[in-house]
Amino acid sequence: QVRFVESGGGLVQPGESLTLSCVASGITFSALTMAWYRQVPGKEQRELVAVITESGGTTYRTSSLQGRFSISRDNTKSTLYLQMNSLISEDTGVYYCNRRFVQTTWGQGTQVTVSD
C-alpha cells in the first residue's frame, strides 16, 4: 500500500525558514523521481513545487522557488525533504509529496502558513 506522511509545516513569519519531510512507503523510493506539490488557498489544483530524480537532479517550477527552496532525498530512509528559506505569504498552503509521474494516492499534507 502506497503511503506518504508529510510533516514539518507550521506558522512562520515572512523571511523565516522551514524544513518539510515526507516518509514514503509501499514504493521503491530510490528508483522513482519524486516531487513536492502544494495547494494554495483559493485553488483546487495542487501545483508542482520541486522535482528530484533518482540520481539527485533537481528542478523547480519557478526561478523564485529555485532561489529559496531546496529539495533533497535520503534513499536509505525513503524520505523526501524540502528546505524552504525566505518564506513569503504566497508560499502559504498545504504541501504534499508524491511520485512525479504517477499519483495514485495522496498523504494528508502539511500546512505551511506564512504570516505576520
Protein backbone atom coordinates (compact mmCIF):
# COMPACT_ATOMS: atom_id res chain seq x y z
CA GLN A 1 0.00 0.00 0.00
CA VAL A 2 1.44 3.31 -1.10
CA ARG A 3 1.62 5.86 1.68
CA PHE A 4 3.13 9.31 2.13
CA VAL A 5 3.42 11.02 5.51
CA GLU A 6 4.35 14.69 5.39
CA SER A 7 5.49 16.73 8.38
CA GLY A 8 7.35 19.87 9.36
CA GLY A 9 4.87 22.57 8.49
CA GLY A 10 3.86 25.40 10.77
CA LEU A 11 3.15 29.09 11.20
CA VAL A 12 6.12 31.33 10.45
CA GLN A 13 6.76 34.97 9.71
CA PRO A 14 7.91 36.23 6.32
CA GLY A 15 11.61 35.67 5.84
CA GLU A 16 11.79 32.65 8.09
CA SER A 17 12.58 29.05 7.16
CA LEU A 18 11.01 25.62 7.44
CA THR A 19 12.11 22.11 6.51
CA LEU A 20 9.46 19.67 5.40
CA SER A 21 9.86 15.90 5.47
CA CYS A 22 7.95 13.13 3.76
CA VAL A 23 8.31 9.46 4.55
CA ALA A 24 7.22 7.17 1.75
CA SER A 25 6.25 3.51 1.97
CA GLY A 26 4.86 0.93 -0.39
CA ILE A 27 7.03 2.14 -3.29
CA THR A 28 10.58 1.58 -4.47
CA PHE A 29 11.53 5.06 -3.37
CA SER A 30 15.11 5.02 -4.61
CA ALA A 31 14.02 4.19 -8.15
CA LEU A 32 11.50 7.00 -8.51
CA THR A 33 11.52 10.63 -9.46
CA MET A 34 9.80 12.38 -6.57
CA ALA A 35 8.24 15.79 -6.15
CA TRP A 36 6.76 18.27 -3.74
CA TYR A 37 3.40 19.82 -4.55
CA ARG A 38 1.31 22.43 -2.79
CA GLN A 39 -2.29 23.51 -2.72
CA VAL A 40 -2.60 27.20 -2.11
CA PRO A 41 -5.71 28.92 -0.76
CA GLY A 42 -8.35 29.55 -3.38
CA LYS A 43 -7.05 26.99 -5.84
CA GLU A 44 -8.39 23.48 -6.27
CA GLN A 45 -5.44 22.05 -8.14
CA ARG A 46 -2.19 21.20 -6.48
CA GLU A 47 0.77 22.89 -8.12
CA LEU A 48 4.20 21.44 -8.62
CA VAL A 49 6.90 22.95 -6.43
CA ALA A 50 10.07 20.94 -6.99
CA VAL A 51 11.27 17.68 -8.51
CA ILE A 52 14.19 15.40 -7.74
CA THR A 53 15.26 12.49 -9.91
CA GLU A 54 16.51 9.10 -8.74
CA SER A 55 20.05 10.33 -9.20
CA GLY A 56 19.51 13.61 -7.37
CA GLY A 57 18.95 16.04 -10.21
CA THR A 58 16.60 18.85 -9.19
CA THR A 59 14.23 21.24 -10.91
CA TYR A 60 11.88 23.90 -9.58
CA ARG A 61 8.67 25.28 -11.04
CA THR A 62 9.85 28.90 -10.97
CA SER A 63 13.10 30.78 -10.58
CA SER A 64 11.78 32.26 -7.34
CA LEU A 65 11.32 28.81 -5.86
CA GLN A 66 14.73 27.73 -7.10
CA GLY A 67 16.36 30.57 -5.30
CA ARG A 68 14.66 29.91 -1.98
CA PHE A 69 13.78 26.19 -1.79
CA SER A 70 15.93 23.09 -1.90
CA ILE A 71 14.61 19.59 -2.49
CA SER A 72 16.63 16.58 -1.38
CA ARG A 73 16.21 12.91 -0.58
CA ASP A 74 17.57 10.17 1.63
CA ASN A 75 17.01 6.89 -0.14
CA THR A 76 18.15 4.89 2.90
CA LYS A 77 15.20 6.34 4.82
CA SER A 78 12.73 6.63 1.92
CA THR A 79 12.41 10.25 2.91
CA LEU A 80 12.00 13.38 0.82
CA TYR A 81 12.87 16.84 2.14
CA LEU A 82 12.06 20.41 1.21
CA GLN A 83 14.17 23.14 2.75
CA MET A 84 12.29 26.42 2.43
CA ASN A 85 14.06 29.70 3.09
CA SER A 86 12.98 33.33 2.84
CA LEU A 87 9.35 32.34 3.03
CA ILE A 88 6.74 34.75 1.68
CA SER A 89 2.98 34.89 2.16
CA GLU A 90 2.43 33.38 -1.28
CA ASP A 91 4.08 30.18 -0.03
CA THR A 92 1.14 29.58 2.29
CA GLY A 93 -0.58 26.30 1.52
CA VAL A 94 -0.72 22.59 2.18
CA TYR A 95 2.40 20.79 0.98
CA TYR A 96 2.37 17.22 -0.31
CA CYS A 97 4.95 14.84 -1.64
CA ASN A 98 4.33 12.22 -4.30
CA ARG A 99 5.79 10.48 -7.25
CA ARG A 100 6.35 12.90 -10.09
CA PHE A 101 4.68 10.97 -12.87
CA VAL A 102 2.02 8.75 -11.25
CA GLN A 103 -0.09 9.91 -8.31
CA THR A 104 -2.49 7.22 -7.19
CA THR A 105 -2.80 8.31 -3.60
CA TRP A 106 -2.02 11.40 -1.53
CA GLY A 107 -1.00 11.89 2.05
CA GLN A 108 -2.62 14.31 4.44
CA GLY A 109 -0.11 17.03 3.63
CA THR A 110 1.46 19.51 6.00
CA GLN A 111 0.17 23.06 6.45
CA VAL A 112 2.56 25.94 5.92
CA THR A 113 1.32 29.39 6.89
CA VAL A 114 3.45 32.47 6.32
CA SER A 115 2.00 35.49 8.05
CA ASP A 116 2.85 38.46 10.22
